[in-house]
């Protein structure tokens, strides 16, 4: 369970933003979406490799 303590004088928008960040870090939605349809391990690995290649090309462009 995620608990967010609203500080004295803090706006509700800021507290909601902190809640959303904490919720996203838990990975609940990502896990839920991945469980909706089965994906073979080879397909998952292929996706991870493609993402790594993409990030590597971004890093090479920066340097």
PDB file of N, CA and C in Angstrom:
ATOM      1  N   UNK A   1       0.835  -1.165   0.000  1.00  0.00           N
ATOM      2  CA  UNK A   1       0.000   0.000   0.000  1.00  0.00           C
ATOM      3  C   UNK A   1       0.892   1.245   0.000  1.00  0.00           C
ATOM      4  N   UNK A   2       0.550   2.169  -0.836  1.00  0.00           N
ATOM      5  CA  UNK A   2       1.329   3.401  -0.948  1.00  0.00           C
ATOM      6  C   UNK A   2       0.722   4.453  -0.025  1.00  0.00           C
ATOM      7  N   UNK A   3       1.559   5.022   0.818  1.00  0.00           N
ATOM      8  CA  UNK A   3       1.103   6.048   1.745  1.00  0.00           C
ATOM      9  C   UNK A   3       1.832   7.349   1.433  1.00  0.00           C
ATOM     10  N   UNK A   4       1.065   8.396   1.222  1.00  0.00           N
ATOM     11  CA  UNK A   4       1.617   9.724   0.964  1.00  0.00           C
ATOM     12  C   UNK A   4       1.113  10.647   2.061  1.00  0.00           C
ATOM     13  N   UNK A   5       2.024  11.201   2.831  1.00  0.00           N
ATOM     14  CA  UNK A   5       1.656  12.163   3.862  1.00  0.00           C
ATOM     15  C   UNK A   5       1.646  13.559   3.253  1.00  0.00           C
ATOM     16  N   UNK A   6       0.490  14.209   3.317  1.00  0.00           N
ATOM     17  CA  UNK A   6       0.372  15.570   2.801  1.00  0.00           C
ATOM     18  C   UNK A   6       0.908  16.513   3.869  1.00  0.00           C
ATOM     19  N   UNK A   7       1.914  17.279   3.494  1.00  0.00           N
ATOM     20  CA  UNK A   7       2.560  18.184   4.437  1.00  0.00           C
ATOM     21  C   UNK A   7       1.709  19.433   4.659  1.00  0.00           C
ATOM     22  N   UNK A   8       1.973  20.107   5.748  1.00  0.00           N
ATOM     23  CA  UNK A   8       1.238  21.327   6.095  1.00  0.00           C
ATOM     24  C   UNK A   8       1.456  22.393   5.027  1.00  0.00           C
ATOM     25  N   UNK A   9       0.396  22.900   4.460  1.00  0.00           N
ATOM     26  CA  UNK A   9       0.492  23.952   3.461  1.00  0.00           C
ATOM     27  C   UNK A   9       0.848  23.451   2.067  1.00  0.00           C
ATOM     28  N   UNK A  10       0.969  22.138   1.889  1.00  0.00           N
ATOM     29  CA  UNK A  10       1.314  21.595   0.569  1.00  0.00           C
ATOM     30  C   UNK A  10       0.051  21.484  -0.275  1.00  0.00           C
ATOM     31  N   UNK A  11       0.165  21.855  -1.532  1.00  0.00           N
ATOM     32  CA  UNK A  11      -1.006  21.779  -2.392  1.00  0.00           C
ATOM     33  C   UNK A  11      -1.317  20.318  -2.723  1.00  0.00           C
ATOM     34  N   UNK A  12      -2.553  20.074  -3.031  1.00  0.00           N
ATOM     35  CA  UNK A  12      -2.994  18.722  -3.353  1.00  0.00           C
ATOM     36  C   UNK A  12      -2.362  18.234  -4.658  1.00  0.00           C
ATOM     37  N   UNK A  13      -2.100  19.163  -5.570  1.00  0.00           N
ATOM     38  CA  UNK A  13      -1.477  18.793  -6.843  1.00  0.00           C
ATOM     39  C   UNK A  13      -0.081  18.209  -6.635  1.00  0.00           C
ATOM     40  N   UNK A  14       0.693  18.811  -5.750  1.00  0.00           N
ATOM     41  CA  UNK A  14       2.047  18.308  -5.487  1.00  0.00           C
ATOM     42  C   UNK A  14       1.999  16.937  -4.826  1.00  0.00           C
ATOM     43  N   UNK A  15       1.053  16.756  -3.906  1.00  0.00           N
ATOM     44  CA  UNK A  15       0.913  15.466  -3.241  1.00  0.00           C
ATOM     45  C   UNK A  15       0.491  14.394  -4.240  1.00  0.00           C
ATOM     46  N   UNK A  16      -0.406  14.748  -5.139  1.00  0.00           N
ATOM     47  CA  UNK A  16      -0.848  13.811  -6.178  1.00  0.00           C
ATOM     48  C   UNK A  16       0.305  13.450  -7.106  1.00  0.00           C
ATOM     49  N   UNK A  17       1.151  14.420  -7.417  1.00  0.00           N
ATOM     50  CA  UNK A  17       2.307  14.166  -8.268  1.00  0.00           C
ATOM     51  C   UNK A  17       3.278  13.202  -7.585  1.00  0.00           C
ATOM     52  N   UNK A  18       3.495  13.376  -6.265  1.00  0.00           N
ATOM     53  CA  UNK A  18       4.357  12.456  -5.523  1.00  0.00           C
ATOM     54  C   UNK A  18       3.766  11.048  -5.505  1.00  0.00           C
ATOM     55  N   UNK A  19       2.435  10.970  -5.367  1.00  0.00           N
ATOM     56  CA  UNK A  19       1.769   9.675  -5.378  1.00  0.00           C
ATOM     57  C   UNK A  19       1.953   8.975  -6.713  1.00  0.00           C
ATOM     58  N   UNK A  20       1.774   9.715  -7.791  1.00  0.00           N
ATOM     59  CA  UNK A  20       1.906   9.127  -9.127  1.00  0.00           C
ATOM     60  C   UNK A  20       3.317   8.609  -9.363  1.00  0.00           C
ATOM     61  N   UNK A  21       4.336   9.352  -8.910  1.00  0.00           N
ATOM     62  CA  UNK A  21       5.723   8.910  -9.073  1.00  0.00           C
ATOM     63  C   UNK A  21       5.974   7.625  -8.298  1.00  0.00           C
ATOM     64  N   UNK A  22       5.493   7.570  -7.051  1.00  0.00           N
ATOM     65  CA  UNK A  22       5.666   6.369  -6.239  1.00  0.00           C
ATOM     66  C   UNK A  22       4.954   5.180  -6.858  1.00  0.00           C
ATOM     67  N   UNK A  23       3.751   5.422  -7.366  1.00  0.00           N
ATOM     68  CA  UNK A  23       2.961   4.358  -7.973  1.00  0.00           C
ATOM     69  C   UNK A  23       3.647   3.818  -9.222  1.00  0.00           C
ATOM     70  N   UNK A  24       4.212   4.718 -10.015  1.00  0.00           N
ATOM     71  CA  UNK A  24       4.894   4.297 -11.240  1.00  0.00           C
ATOM     72  C   UNK A  24       6.139   3.475 -10.922  1.00  0.00           C
ATOM     73  N   UNK A  25       6.856   3.842  -9.847  1.00  0.00           N
ATOM     74  CA  UNK A  25       8.059   3.108  -9.457  1.00  0.00           C
ATOM     75  C   UNK A  25       7.752   1.685  -9.030  1.00  0.00           C
ATOM     76  N   UNK A  26       6.562   1.444  -8.499  1.00  0.00           N
ATOM     77  CA  UNK A  26       6.217   0.092  -8.067  1.00  0.00           C
ATOM     78  C   UNK A  26       6.060  -0.846  -9.252  1.00  0.00           C
ATOM     79  N   UNK A  27       5.693  -0.330 -10.422  1.00  0.00           N
ATOM     80  CA  UNK A  27       5.587  -1.158 -11.622  1.00  0.00           C
ATOM     81  C   UNK A  27       4.309  -1.978 -11.697  1.00  0.00           C
ATOM     82  N   UNK A  28       3.290  -1.571 -10.985  1.00  0.00           N
ATOM     83  CA  UNK A  28       2.033  -2.322 -10.959  1.00  0.00           C
ATOM     84  C   UNK A  28       1.376  -2.332 -12.335  1.00  0.00           C
ATOM     85  N   UNK A  29       1.250  -1.178 -12.964  1.00  0.00           N
ATOM     86  CA  UNK A  29       0.596  -1.113 -14.269  1.00  0.00           C
ATOM     87  C   UNK A  29       1.385  -1.865 -15.333  1.00  0.00           C
ATOM     88  N   UNK A  30       2.712  -1.751 -15.286  1.00  0.00           N
ATOM     89  CA  UNK A  30       3.551  -2.450 -16.252  1.00  0.00           C
ATOM     90  C   UNK A  30       3.358  -3.964 -16.132  1.00  0.00           C
ATOM     91  N   UNK A  31       3.324  -4.438 -14.896  1.00  0.00           N
ATOM     92  CA  UNK A  31       3.117  -5.856 -14.632  1.00  0.00           C
ATOM     93  C   UNK A  31       1.738  -6.304 -15.102  1.00  0.00           C
ATOM     94  N   UNK A  32       0.729  -5.488 -14.855  1.00  0.00           N
ATOM     95  CA  UNK A  32      -0.637  -5.812 -15.260  1.00  0.00           C
ATOM     96  C   UNK A  32      -0.740  -5.926 -16.779  1.00  0.00           C
ATOM     97  N   UNK A  33      -0.151  -4.991 -17.483  1.00  0.00           N
ATOM     98  CA  UNK A  33      -0.209  -5.017 -18.946  1.00  0.00           C
ATOM     99  C   UNK A  33       0.553  -6.205 -19.520  1.00  0.00           C
ATOM    100  N   UNK A  34       1.666  -6.567 -18.878  1.00  0.00           N
ATOM    101  CA  UNK A  34       2.437  -7.700 -19.397  1.00  0.00           C
ATOM    102  C   UNK A  34       1.707  -9.012 -19.169  1.00  0.00           C
ATOM    103  N   UNK A  35       0.854  -9.080 -18.146  1.00  0.00           N
ATOM    104  CA  UNK A  35       0.117 -10.309 -17.852  1.00  0.00           C
ATOM    105  C   UNK A  35      -1.162 -10.444 -18.663  1.00  0.00           C
ATOM    106  N   UNK A  36      -1.579  -9.411 -19.359  1.00  0.00           N
ATOM    107  CA  UNK A  36      -2.825  -9.483 -20.120  1.00  0.00           C
ATOM    108  C   UNK A  36      -2.713 -10.465 -21.275  1.00  0.00           C
ATOM    109  N   UNK A  37      -1.552 -10.550 -21.896  1.00  0.00           N
ATOM    110  CA  UNK A  37      -1.367 -11.473 -23.008  1.00  0.00           C
ATOM    111  C   UNK A  37      -0.008 -12.140 -22.845  1.00  0.00           C
ATOM    112  N   UNK A  38       0.031 -13.433 -23.090  1.00  0.00           N
ATOM    113  CA  UNK A  38       1.278 -14.168 -22.949  1.00  0.00           C
ATOM    114  C   UNK A  38       2.244 -13.769 -24.061  1.00  0.00           C
ATOM    115  N   UNK A  39       3.501 -13.629 -23.697  1.00  0.00           N
ATOM    116  CA  UNK A  39       4.540 -13.303 -24.667  1.00  0.00           C
ATOM    117  C   UNK A  39       5.682 -14.289 -24.490  1.00  0.00           C
ATOM    118  N   UNK A  40       6.090 -14.889 -25.580  1.00  0.00           N
ATOM    119  CA  UNK A  40       7.170 -15.872 -25.502  1.00  0.00           C
ATOM    120  C   UNK A  40       8.453 -15.218 -25.013  1.00  0.00           C
ATOM    121  N   UNK A  41       9.316 -16.027 -24.375  1.00  0.00           N
ATOM    122  CA  UNK A  41      10.568 -15.501 -23.847  1.00  0.00           C
ATOM    123  C   UNK A  41      11.452 -14.945 -24.957  1.00  0.00           C
ATOM    124  N   UNK A  42      11.421 -15.614 -26.113  1.00  0.00           N
ATOM    125  CA  UNK A  42      12.262 -15.147 -27.217  1.00  0.00           C
ATOM    126  C   UNK A  42      11.803 -13.770 -27.703  1.00  0.00           C
ATOM    127  N   UNK A  43      10.509 -13.546 -27.703  1.00  0.00           N
ATOM    128  CA  UNK A  43       9.980 -12.248 -28.132  1.00  0.00           C
ATOM    129  C   UNK A  43      10.340 -11.179 -27.108  1.00  0.00           C
ATOM    130  N   UNK A  44      10.254 -11.527 -25.828  1.00  0.00           N
ATOM    131  CA  UNK A  44      10.617 -10.585 -24.776  1.00  0.00           C
ATOM    132  C   UNK A  44      12.091 -10.221 -24.877  1.00  0.00           C
ATOM    133  N   UNK A  45      12.940 -11.235 -25.071  1.00  0.00           N
ATOM    134  CA  UNK A  45      14.384 -10.993 -25.204  1.00  0.00           C
ATOM    135  C   UNK A  45      14.674 -10.102 -26.407  1.00  0.00           C
ATOM    136  N   UNK A  46      13.985 -10.367 -27.514  1.00  0.00           N
ATOM    137  CA  UNK A  46      14.184  -9.574 -28.730  1.00  0.00           C
ATOM    138  C   UNK A  46      13.819  -8.109 -28.470  1.00  0.00           C
ATOM    139  N   UNK A  47      12.742  -7.894 -27.737  1.00  0.00           N
ATOM    140  CA  UNK A  47      12.324  -6.528 -27.410  1.00  0.00           C
ATOM    141  C   UNK A  47      13.367  -5.829 -26.534  1.00  0.00           C
ATOM    142  N   UNK A  48      13.907  -6.564 -25.560  1.00  0.00           N
ATOM    143  CA  UNK A  48      14.922  -5.994 -24.671  1.00  0.00           C
ATOM    144  C   UNK A  48      16.179  -5.633 -25.464  1.00  0.00           C
ATOM    145  N   UNK A  49      16.588  -6.496 -26.373  1.00  0.00           N
ATOM    146  CA  UNK A  49      17.782  -6.233 -27.180  1.00  0.00           C
ATOM    147  C   UNK A  49      17.560  -5.021 -28.082  1.00  0.00           C
ATOM    148  N   UNK A  50      16.388  -4.925 -28.702  1.00  0.00           N
ATOM    149  CA  UNK A  50      16.096  -3.778 -29.561  1.00  0.00           C
ATOM    150  C   UNK A  50      16.129  -2.475 -28.762  1.00  0.00           C
ATOM    151  N   UNK A  51      15.603  -2.517 -27.551  1.00  0.00           N
ATOM    152  CA  UNK A  51      15.611  -1.320 -26.701  1.00  0.00           C
ATOM    153  C   UNK A  51      17.042  -0.950 -26.308  1.00  0.00           C
ATOM    154  N   UNK A  52      17.866  -1.953 -26.013  1.00  0.00           N
ATOM    155  CA  UNK A  52      19.256  -1.684 -25.645  1.00  0.00           C
ATOM    156  C   UNK A  52      20.018  -1.072 -26.819  1.00  0.00           C
ATOM    157  N   UNK A  53      19.777  -1.579 -28.010  1.00  0.00           N
ATOM    158  CA  UNK A  53      20.427  -1.025 -29.207  1.00  0.00           C
ATOM    159  C   UNK A  53      19.987   0.423 -29.409  1.00  0.00           C
ATOM    160  N   UNK A  54      18.710   0.688 -29.209  1.00  0.00           N
ATOM    161  CA  UNK A  54      18.182   2.042 -29.359  1.00  0.00           C
ATOM    162  C   UNK A  54      18.851   2.997 -28.367  1.00  0.00           C
ATOM    163  N   UNK A  55      18.937   2.576 -27.105  1.00  0.00           N
ATOM    164  CA  UNK A  55      19.579   3.429 -26.093  1.00  0.00           C
ATOM    165  C   UNK A  55      21.052   3.640 -26.392  1.00  0.00           C
ATOM    166  N   UNK A  56      21.710   2.599 -26.910  1.00  0.00           N
ATOM    167  CA  UNK A  56      23.126   2.720 -27.233  1.00  0.00           C
ATOM    168  C   UNK A  56      23.342   3.728 -28.361  1.00  0.00           C
ATOM    169  N   UNK A  57      22.469   3.717 -29.361  1.00  0.00           N
ATOM    170  CA  UNK A  57      22.606   4.671 -30.449  1.00  0.00           C
ATOM    171  C   UNK A  57      22.367   6.101 -29.950  1.00  0.00           C
ATOM    172  N   UNK A  58      21.433   6.262 -28.995  1.00  0.00           N
ATOM    173  CA  UNK A  58      21.208   7.592 -28.431  1.00  0.00           C
ATOM    174  C   UNK A  58      22.451   8.093 -27.703  1.00  0.00           C
ATOM    175  N   UNK A  59      23.095   7.206 -26.932  1.00  0.00           N
ATOM    176  CA  UNK A  59      24.290   7.589 -26.195  1.00  0.00           C
ATOM    177  C   UNK A  59      25.447   7.915 -27.125  1.00  0.00           C
ATOM    178  N   UNK A  60      25.546   7.220 -28.255  1.00  0.00           N
ATOM    179  CA  UNK A  60      26.624   7.500 -29.194  1.00  0.00           C
ATOM    180  C   UNK A  60      26.430   8.851 -29.869  1.00  0.00           C
ATOM    181  N   UNK A  61      25.159   9.233 -30.103  1.00  0.00           N
ATOM    182  CA  UNK A  61      24.892  10.518 -30.727  1.00  0.00           C
ATOM    183  C   UNK A  61      25.246  11.667 -29.791  1.00  0.00           C
ATOM    184  N   UNK A  62      25.090  11.466 -28.480  1.00  0.00           N
ATOM    185  CA  UNK A  62      25.378  12.521 -27.509  1.00  0.00           C
ATOM    186  C   UNK A  62      26.867  12.770 -27.403  1.00  0.00           C
ATOM    187  N   UNK A  63      27.644  11.689 -27.389  1.00  0.00           N
ATOM    188  CA  UNK A  63      29.093  11.794 -27.218  1.00  0.00           C
ATOM    189  C   UNK A  63      29.673  12.325 -28.455  1.00  0.00           C
TER     190      UNK A  63
END
